[in-house]
Structure formats: C-alpha cells, structure tokens
C-alpha cells in the first residue's frame, strides 16, 4: 500500500472513532432523558440502537486488525492504532450502559427518590467522555491528566448519591410511609435497586472516560501513568 494511502487510512480511523463517540454520547443522552421523563418510546430507541454501536465497533475493530496485520506499524503509528482499538472498546461499553438506562426506564414504575439528581451526574460523566475524545482528537496529553483528576469528583458524587438512597429510602422512608404489604415492599426495594444500579453505571461512564484519557496519553507520549 502506498504511503499516502496508509496515512489516509490512519486519518480515516481517527475520524471513524470520533464518529462512533458521537453516536455513543447521543445514545447515552437519550437514555438519561428517557429515564428522567419516563419515556418508554425513547428508551426503546436507545435499546434498539445498541445494534448500530456494536456494528460500528466490529467494523473499526477490523480496520485496526487490518492496519496491524498488513502494515506492521511501529512506534507512534502502532501506539495510535492500539490506543484507538482500546478507545472503541470503552465506547462500546458506554453504549451498553446507555442500553441499561433504557431498560431501567422500561422497568421503573415510579420516581422513587427525586433528590438524587441522576441527570446532573450523567451530564458530568458525559462531559468527561467528550473531553477525553477531544484529547484523543487533538493529542492533548495535559487534557488527559485533567480528566483523570475529575474522576475523583464523580466518584464522590456517586458515593453520596448511593448513601442517600440507602439511608433515606431503605432506612427512613420505608418506615415512615408504613409499608407493610409484602408486594409493596418488594416493588419498593426493586426501585431502590434500580436507582443504585443507575448510579453505578454513571460512575462507570466516568471510569471509561479515564480509560480513554489513559490510552490517549500513552498514544501521544508513550506514557502509561494513567493506565491501571
């Protein structure tokens, strides 16, 4: 393959990875909106859209394999292809978490605890992913460290939200509202469980953003400081 064509394929790979990130971020926003609005139609769109994300992942995986097998890249090009493969893996998993939000929406029967601002936490984690992808696009090593630092804040927000759910919903509200019917209690606890799972999934989105930043830093500077 002529060098010009090879360089074009590397550029195309980056463009396609960035496009995949746009699709994934949009799906996750839709999942957050569906959950907040209890919009079952939107939730179903998110669930059905997971096929598109999976197909994008498989196509890009093959592109990475072809570049590795046919071109035998070295140094910076090798790190770029390897990092891109890891990035699409994290993006695909964020797509799975968006699907979870759609499924939680379909299963939910009521708004259990509105004091937990799921939308706000979700927007924070999505902003981290957006910035991680910007660092990938611009090869911004400094931006990678900034994203890693922000993850501590997300973890703290999620921990506080989980504590609210456990303390106020299970220990306080259940007693105050006099829930004595077994079926009612079971349904109530299912809603609590879904809320905790939602918080956990949002925290994982932040973790994937850090993973993307870590691989980008390795790609740019051959620095594995952020790789766990």
C-alpha atoms as a PDB file:
ATOM      1  CA  UNK A   1       0.000   0.000   0.000  1.00  0.00           C
ATOM      2  CA  UNK A   2       1.465   3.400  -0.945  1.00  0.00           C
ATOM      3  CA  UNK A   3       2.466   5.589   1.995  1.00  0.00           C
ATOM      4  CA  UNK A   4      -0.145   8.199   1.063  1.00  0.00           C
ATOM      5  CA  UNK A   5      -2.938   5.622   1.207  1.00  0.00           C
ATOM      6  CA  UNK A   6      -1.635   4.314   4.514  1.00  0.00           C
ATOM      7  CA  UNK A   7      -1.655   7.762   6.093  1.00  0.00           C
ATOM      8  CA  UNK A   8      -5.173   8.315   4.770  1.00  0.00           C
ATOM      9  CA  UNK A   9      -6.322   5.105   6.427  1.00  0.00           C
ATOM     10  CA  UNK A  10      -4.882   6.278   9.744  1.00  0.00           C
ATOM     11  CA  UNK A  11      -6.755   9.570   9.391  1.00  0.00           C
ATOM     12  CA  UNK A  12      -9.935   7.739   8.441  1.00  0.00           C
ATOM     13  CA  UNK A  13      -9.594   5.531  11.503  1.00  0.00           C
ATOM     14  CA  UNK A  14      -9.395   8.555  13.776  1.00  0.00           C
ATOM     15  CA  UNK A  15     -12.391  10.172  12.073  1.00  0.00           C
ATOM     16  CA  UNK A  16     -14.423   6.985  12.432  1.00  0.00           C
ATOM     17  CA  UNK A  17     -13.532   6.604  16.104  1.00  0.00           C
ATOM     18  CA  UNK A  18     -14.671  10.181  16.712  1.00  0.00           C
ATOM     19  CA  UNK A  19     -17.900   9.485  14.832  1.00  0.00           C
ATOM     20  CA  UNK A  20     -18.528   6.420  16.986  1.00  0.00           C
ATOM     21  CA  UNK A  21     -18.052   8.560  20.080  1.00  0.00           C
ATOM     22  CA  UNK A  22     -20.701  11.000  18.832  1.00  0.00           C
ATOM     23  CA  UNK A  23     -23.190   8.175  18.326  1.00  0.00           C
ATOM     24  CA  UNK A  24     -22.471   6.695  21.760  1.00  0.00           C
ATOM     25  CA  UNK A  25     -22.747  10.046  23.535  1.00  0.00           C
ATOM     26  CA  UNK A  26     -26.045  10.768  21.828  1.00  0.00           C
ATOM     27  CA  UNK A  27     -27.421   7.363  22.850  1.00  0.00           C
ATOM     28  CA  UNK A  28     -26.418   7.929  26.450  1.00  0.00           C
ATOM     29  CA  UNK A  29     -28.055  11.356  26.481  1.00  0.00           C
ATOM     30  CA  UNK A  30     -31.197   9.748  25.113  1.00  0.00           C
ATOM     31  CA  UNK A  31     -31.012   7.154  27.892  1.00  0.00           C
ATOM     32  CA  UNK A  32     -30.740   9.854  30.542  1.00  0.00           C
ATOM     33  CA  UNK A  33     -33.676  11.748  29.028  1.00  0.00           C
ATOM     34  CA  UNK A  34     -35.770   8.595  28.810  1.00  0.00           C
ATOM     35  CA  UNK A  35     -35.098   7.825  32.459  1.00  0.00           C
ATOM     36  CA  UNK A  36     -35.883  11.350  33.629  1.00  0.00           C
ATOM     37  CA  UNK A  37     -39.065  11.657  31.545  1.00  0.00           C
ATOM     38  CA  UNK A  38     -40.111   8.012  31.888  1.00  0.00           C
ATOM     39  CA  UNK A  39     -40.328   7.995  28.094  1.00  0.00           C
ATOM     40  CA  UNK A  40     -40.716   4.344  27.106  1.00  0.00           C
ATOM     41  CA  UNK A  41     -40.589   5.052  23.368  1.00  0.00           C
ATOM     42  CA  UNK A  42     -37.280   6.878  23.716  1.00  0.00           C
ATOM     43  CA  UNK A  43     -35.993   4.087  25.959  1.00  0.00           C
ATOM     44  CA  UNK A  44     -36.853   1.540  23.285  1.00  0.00           C
ATOM     45  CA  UNK A  45     -34.986   3.609  20.691  1.00  0.00           C
ATOM     46  CA  UNK A  46     -31.900   3.503  22.889  1.00  0.00           C
ATOM     47  CA  UNK A  47     -32.127  -0.250  23.346  1.00  0.00           C
ATOM     48  CA  UNK A  48     -32.661  -0.928  19.651  1.00  0.00           C
ATOM     49  CA  UNK A  49     -29.839   1.483  18.750  1.00  0.00           C
ATOM     50  CA  UNK A  50     -27.277  -0.684  20.518  1.00  0.00           C
ATOM     51  CA  UNK A  51     -27.008  -2.789  17.358  1.00  0.00           C
ATOM     52  CA  UNK A  52     -25.628   0.203  15.453  1.00  0.00           C
ATOM     53  CA  UNK A  53     -22.970   0.802  18.093  1.00  0.00           C
ATOM     54  CA  UNK A  54     -21.974  -2.859  18.109  1.00  0.00           C
ATOM     55  CA  UNK A  55     -21.643  -2.822  14.331  1.00  0.00           C
ATOM     56  CA  UNK A  56     -19.501   0.315  14.424  1.00  0.00           C
ATOM     57  CA  UNK A  57     -17.286  -1.397  16.967  1.00  0.00           C
ATOM     58  CA  UNK A  58     -16.885  -4.526  14.848  1.00  0.00           C
ATOM     59  CA  UNK A  59     -16.111  -2.511  11.709  1.00  0.00           C
ATOM     60  CA  UNK A  60     -13.484  -0.422  13.480  1.00  0.00           C
ATOM     61  CA  UNK A  61     -12.015  -3.482  15.171  1.00  0.00           C
ATOM     62  CA  UNK A  62     -11.482  -4.982  11.724  1.00  0.00           C
ATOM     63  CA  UNK A  63      -9.904  -1.751  10.475  1.00  0.00           C
ATOM     64  CA  UNK A  64      -7.437  -1.856  13.365  1.00  0.00           C
ATOM     65  CA  UNK A  65      -6.629  -5.503  12.718  1.00  0.00           C
ATOM     66  CA  UNK A  66      -6.072  -4.832   9.008  1.00  0.00           C
ATOM     67  CA  UNK A  67      -3.710  -1.946   9.713  1.00  0.00           C
ATOM     68  CA  UNK A  68      -1.752  -4.029  12.206  1.00  0.00           C
ATOM     69  CA  UNK A  69      -1.581  -7.127  10.006  1.00  0.00           C
ATOM     70  CA  UNK A  70      -0.993  -5.522   6.622  1.00  0.00           C
ATOM     71  CA  UNK A  71       1.162  -2.542   7.527  1.00  0.00           C
ATOM     72  CA  UNK A  72       3.081  -3.750  10.585  1.00  0.00           C
ATOM     73  CA  UNK A  73       3.245  -0.217  12.025  1.00  0.00           C
ATOM     74  CA  UNK A  74       5.928   0.797  14.510  1.00  0.00           C
ATOM     75  CA  UNK A  75       6.448   3.496  17.138  1.00  0.00           C
ATOM     76  CA  UNK A  76       3.834   6.260  17.054  1.00  0.00           C
ATOM     77  CA  UNK A  77       1.595   4.633  14.444  1.00  0.00           C
ATOM     78  CA  UNK A  78       1.494   1.398  16.416  1.00  0.00           C
ATOM     79  CA  UNK A  79       0.554   3.229  19.607  1.00  0.00           C
ATOM     80  CA  UNK A  80      -2.143   5.165  17.726  1.00  0.00           C
ATOM     81  CA  UNK A  81      -3.770   2.027  16.331  1.00  0.00           C
ATOM     82  CA  UNK A  82      -3.548   0.172  19.644  1.00  0.00           C
ATOM     83  CA  UNK A  83      -4.960   3.166  21.527  1.00  0.00           C
ATOM     84  CA  UNK A  84      -7.782   3.547  19.009  1.00  0.00           C
ATOM     85  CA  UNK A  85      -8.737  -0.086  19.482  1.00  0.00           C
ATOM     86  CA  UNK A  86      -8.886   0.393  23.246  1.00  0.00           C
ATOM     87  CA  UNK A  87     -10.902   3.597  22.850  1.00  0.00           C
ATOM     88  CA  UNK A  88     -13.591   1.920  20.746  1.00  0.00           C
ATOM     89  CA  UNK A  89     -13.791  -0.844  23.346  1.00  0.00           C
ATOM     90  CA  UNK A  90     -14.580   1.718  26.041  1.00  0.00           C
ATOM     91  CA  UNK A  91     -17.069   3.452  23.747  1.00  0.00           C
ATOM     92  CA  UNK A  92     -18.863   0.174  23.071  1.00  0.00           C
ATOM     93  CA  UNK A  93     -19.169  -0.420  26.802  1.00  0.00           C
ATOM     94  CA  UNK A  94     -20.598   3.060  27.329  1.00  0.00           C
ATOM     95  CA  UNK A  95     -23.140   2.119  24.667  1.00  0.00           C
ATOM     96  CA  UNK A  96     -24.048  -0.935  26.757  1.00  0.00           C
ATOM     97  CA  UNK A  97     -24.537   1.319  29.783  1.00  0.00           C
ATOM     98  CA  UNK A  98     -26.858   3.523  27.712  1.00  0.00           C
ATOM     99  CA  UNK A  99     -28.887   0.404  26.943  1.00  0.00           C
ATOM    100  CA  UNK A 100     -29.071  -0.268  30.682  1.00  0.00           C
ATOM    101  CA  UNK A 101     -30.669   3.146  31.178  1.00  0.00           C
ATOM    102  CA  UNK A 102     -33.261   2.285  28.572  1.00  0.00           C
ATOM    103  CA  UNK A 103     -34.051  -0.972  30.333  1.00  0.00           C
ATOM    104  CA  UNK A 104     -34.260   0.734  33.737  1.00  0.00           C
ATOM    105  CA  UNK A 105     -36.765   3.153  32.220  1.00  0.00           C
ATOM    106  CA  UNK A 106     -38.983   0.332  30.992  1.00  0.00           C
ATOM    107  CA  UNK A 107     -38.833  -1.417  34.359  1.00  0.00           C
ATOM    108  CA  UNK A 108     -39.432   1.643  36.541  1.00  0.00           C
ATOM    109  CA  UNK A 109     -42.902   2.159  37.951  1.00  0.00           C
ATOM    110  CA  UNK A 110     -42.378   5.470  39.725  1.00  0.00           C
ATOM    111  CA  UNK A 111     -39.913   8.153  40.690  1.00  0.00           C
ATOM    112  CA  UNK A 112     -38.528   6.719  43.913  1.00  0.00           C
ATOM    113  CA  UNK A 113     -36.236   9.471  45.100  1.00  0.00           C
ATOM    114  CA  UNK A 114     -36.099  12.731  43.114  1.00  0.00           C
ATOM    115  CA  UNK A 115     -33.449  14.219  45.440  1.00  0.00           C
ATOM    116  CA  UNK A 116     -30.823  12.122  43.636  1.00  0.00           C
ATOM    117  CA  UNK A 117     -30.003  14.202  40.551  1.00  0.00           C
ATOM    118  CA  UNK A 118     -29.246  11.467  38.050  1.00  0.00           C
ATOM    119  CA  UNK A 119     -29.373  13.877  35.120  1.00  0.00           C
ATOM    120  CA  UNK A 120     -26.709  16.150  36.607  1.00  0.00           C
ATOM    121  CA  UNK A 121     -24.330  13.299  37.412  1.00  0.00           C
ATOM    122  CA  UNK A 122     -24.909  11.844  33.956  1.00  0.00           C
ATOM    123  CA  UNK A 123     -24.098  15.137  32.247  1.00  0.00           C
ATOM    124  CA  UNK A 124     -20.876  15.412  34.241  1.00  0.00           C
ATOM    125  CA  UNK A 125     -19.741  11.961  33.169  1.00  0.00           C
ATOM    126  CA  UNK A 126     -20.675  12.611  29.551  1.00  0.00           C
ATOM    127  CA  UNK A 127     -18.674  15.848  29.618  1.00  0.00           C
ATOM    128  CA  UNK A 128     -15.693  13.795  30.760  1.00  0.00           C
ATOM    129  CA  UNK A 129     -16.094  11.453  27.784  1.00  0.00           C
ATOM    130  CA  UNK A 130     -16.439  14.402  25.398  1.00  0.00           C
ATOM    131  CA  UNK A 131     -13.249  15.956  26.771  1.00  0.00           C
ATOM    132  CA  UNK A 132     -11.434  12.616  26.624  1.00  0.00           C
ATOM    133  CA  UNK A 133     -12.359  12.287  22.959  1.00  0.00           C
ATOM    134  CA  UNK A 134     -11.215  15.857  22.348  1.00  0.00           C
ATOM    135  CA  UNK A 135      -7.870  14.976  23.921  1.00  0.00           C
ATOM    136  CA  UNK A 136      -7.713  11.949  21.612  1.00  0.00           C
ATOM    137  CA  UNK A 137      -8.507  14.076  18.555  1.00  0.00           C
ATOM    138  CA  UNK A 138      -6.024  16.814  19.438  1.00  0.00           C
ATOM    139  CA  UNK A 139      -3.378  14.562  21.024  1.00  0.00           C
ATOM    140  CA  UNK A 140      -3.586  16.635  24.188  1.00  0.00           C
ATOM    141  CA  UNK A 141      -1.542  14.993  26.940  1.00  0.00           C
ATOM    142  CA  UNK A 142      -2.279  17.684  29.533  1.00  0.00           C
ATOM    143  CA  UNK A 143      -6.011  17.251  28.976  1.00  0.00           C
ATOM    144  CA  UNK A 144      -5.672  13.560  29.773  1.00  0.00           C
ATOM    145  CA  UNK A 145      -4.409  14.267  33.280  1.00  0.00           C
ATOM    146  CA  UNK A 146      -7.222  16.784  33.847  1.00  0.00           C
ATOM    147  CA  UNK A 147      -9.831  14.143  33.016  1.00  0.00           C
ATOM    148  CA  UNK A 148      -8.282  11.678  35.430  1.00  0.00           C
ATOM    149  CA  UNK A 149      -8.388  14.292  38.206  1.00  0.00           C
ATOM    150  CA  UNK A 150     -12.102  14.927  37.600  1.00  0.00           C
ATOM    151  CA  UNK A 151     -12.942  11.274  38.145  1.00  0.00           C
ATOM    152  CA  UNK A 152     -12.458  11.682  41.893  1.00  0.00           C
ATOM    153  CA  UNK A 153     -15.296  14.226  41.928  1.00  0.00           C
ATOM    154  CA  UNK A 154     -17.582  11.870  40.019  1.00  0.00           C
ATOM    155  CA  UNK A 155     -16.790   9.040  42.414  1.00  0.00           C
ATOM    156  CA  UNK A 156     -17.595  11.291  45.369  1.00  0.00           C
ATOM    157  CA  UNK A 157     -20.902  12.409  43.826  1.00  0.00           C
ATOM    158  CA  UNK A 158     -21.915   8.825  43.149  1.00  0.00           C
ATOM    159  CA  UNK A 159     -20.947   7.711  46.630  1.00  0.00           C
ATOM    160  CA  UNK A 160     -23.043  10.467  48.204  1.00  0.00           C
ATOM    161  CA  UNK A 161     -25.981   9.624  45.947  1.00  0.00           C
ATOM    162  CA  UNK A 162     -25.781   5.953  46.888  1.00  0.00           C
ATOM    163  CA  UNK A 163     -25.646   6.832  50.566  1.00  0.00           C
ATOM    164  CA  UNK A 164     -28.793   8.926  50.176  1.00  0.00           C
ATOM    165  CA  UNK A 165     -30.591   6.037  48.556  1.00  0.00           C
ATOM    166  CA  UNK A 166     -29.555   3.502  51.166  1.00  0.00           C
ATOM    167  CA  UNK A 167     -30.094   5.705  54.198  1.00  0.00           C
ATOM    168  CA  UNK A 168     -33.167   7.697  53.270  1.00  0.00           C
ATOM    169  CA  UNK A 169     -35.020   5.195  51.147  1.00  0.00           C
ATOM    170  CA  UNK A 170     -34.423   1.909  52.865  1.00  0.00           C
ATOM    171  CA  UNK A 171     -33.915   3.001  56.467  1.00  0.00           C
ATOM    172  CA  UNK A 172     -36.138   6.091  56.699  1.00  0.00           C
ATOM    173  CA  UNK A 173     -38.834   6.255  54.047  1.00  0.00           C
ATOM    174  CA  UNK A 174     -39.774   2.624  54.286  1.00  0.00           C
ATOM    175  CA  UNK A 175     -40.502   3.038  57.990  1.00  0.00           C
ATOM    176  CA  UNK A 176     -42.170   6.470  57.769  1.00  0.00           C
ATOM    177  CA  UNK A 177     -44.539   5.504  54.979  1.00  0.00           C
ATOM    178  CA  UNK A 178     -45.670   2.418  56.868  1.00  0.00           C
ATOM    179  CA  UNK A 179     -45.113  -0.013  54.041  1.00  0.00           C
ATOM    180  CA  UNK A 180     -46.387  -3.288  55.416  1.00  0.00           C
ATOM    181  CA  UNK A 181     -47.646  -5.092  52.321  1.00  0.00           C
ATOM    182  CA  UNK A 182     -45.071  -7.643  51.147  1.00  0.00           C
ATOM    183  CA  UNK A 183     -45.713  -6.958  47.478  1.00  0.00           C
ATOM    184  CA  UNK A 184     -45.434  -3.204  48.010  1.00  0.00           C
ATOM    185  CA  UNK A 185     -42.175  -3.633  49.907  1.00  0.00           C
ATOM    186  CA  UNK A 186     -40.730  -5.868  47.194  1.00  0.00           C
ATOM    187  CA  UNK A 187     -41.612  -3.340  44.498  1.00  0.00           C
ATOM    188  CA  UNK A 188     -40.139  -0.551  46.580  1.00  0.00           C
ATOM    189  CA  UNK A 189     -36.862  -2.420  47.041  1.00  0.00           C
ATOM    190  CA  UNK A 190     -36.698  -3.156  43.319  1.00  0.00           C
ATOM    191  CA  UNK A 191     -36.898   0.569  42.632  1.00  0.00           C
ATOM    192  CA  UNK A 192     -34.128   1.188  45.154  1.00  0.00           C
ATOM    193  CA  UNK A 193     -32.012  -1.458  43.444  1.00  0.00           C
ATOM    194  CA  UNK A 194     -32.543   0.158  40.036  1.00  0.00           C
ATOM    195  CA  UNK A 195     -31.514   3.535  41.422  1.00  0.00           C
ATOM    196  CA  UNK A 196     -28.305   2.073  42.843  1.00  0.00           C
ATOM    197  CA  UNK A 197     -27.569   0.333  39.544  1.00  0.00           C
ATOM    198  CA  UNK A 198     -28.127   3.587  37.678  1.00  0.00           C
ATOM    199  CA  UNK A 199     -25.672   5.418  39.930  1.00  0.00           C
ATOM    200  CA  UNK A 200     -23.156   2.610  39.471  1.00  0.00           C
ATOM    201  CA  UNK A 201     -23.499   2.801  35.685  1.00  0.00           C
ATOM    202  CA  UNK A 202     -22.938   6.566  35.670  1.00  0.00           C
ATOM    203  CA  UNK A 203     -19.782   6.076  37.701  1.00  0.00           C
ATOM    204  CA  UNK A 204     -18.610   3.509  35.167  1.00  0.00           C
ATOM    205  CA  UNK A 205     -19.026   6.019  32.349  1.00  0.00           C
ATOM    206  CA  UNK A 206     -16.559   8.235  34.195  1.00  0.00           C
ATOM    207  CA  UNK A 207     -14.195   5.273  34.513  1.00  0.00           C
ATOM    208  CA  UNK A 208     -14.370   4.695  30.767  1.00  0.00           C
ATOM    209  CA  UNK A 209     -13.572   8.363  30.169  1.00  0.00           C
ATOM    210  CA  UNK A 210     -10.433   7.917  32.273  1.00  0.00           C
ATOM    211  CA  UNK A 211      -9.549   4.785  30.286  1.00  0.00           C
ATOM    212  CA  UNK A 212      -9.824   6.773  27.050  1.00  0.00           C
ATOM    213  CA  UNK A 213      -7.626   9.514  28.505  1.00  0.00           C
ATOM    214  CA  UNK A 214      -5.096   6.924  29.693  1.00  0.00           C
ATOM    215  CA  UNK A 215      -4.785   5.335  26.255  1.00  0.00           C
ATOM    216  CA  UNK A 216      -4.565   8.746  24.621  1.00  0.00           C
ATOM    217  CA  UNK A 217      -1.712   9.733  26.921  1.00  0.00           C
ATOM    218  CA  UNK A 218       0.069   6.505  26.053  1.00  0.00           C
ATOM    219  CA  UNK A 219      -0.542   7.161  22.353  1.00  0.00           C
ATOM    220  CA  UNK A 220       0.817  10.705  22.496  1.00  0.00           C
ATOM    221  CA  UNK A 221       3.746  10.410  24.893  1.00  0.00           C
ATOM    222  CA  UNK A 222       4.336   6.674  25.355  1.00  0.00           C
ATOM    223  CA  UNK A 223       3.401   7.319  28.989  1.00  0.00           C
ATOM    224  CA  UNK A 224       1.452   4.643  30.871  1.00  0.00           C
ATOM    225  CA  UNK A 225       0.994   6.724  34.046  1.00  0.00           C
ATOM    226  CA  UNK A 226      -2.816   6.639  33.833  1.00  0.00           C
ATOM    227  CA  UNK A 227      -3.191   3.013  32.788  1.00  0.00           C
ATOM    228  CA  UNK A 228      -4.401   0.960  35.744  1.00  0.00           C
END
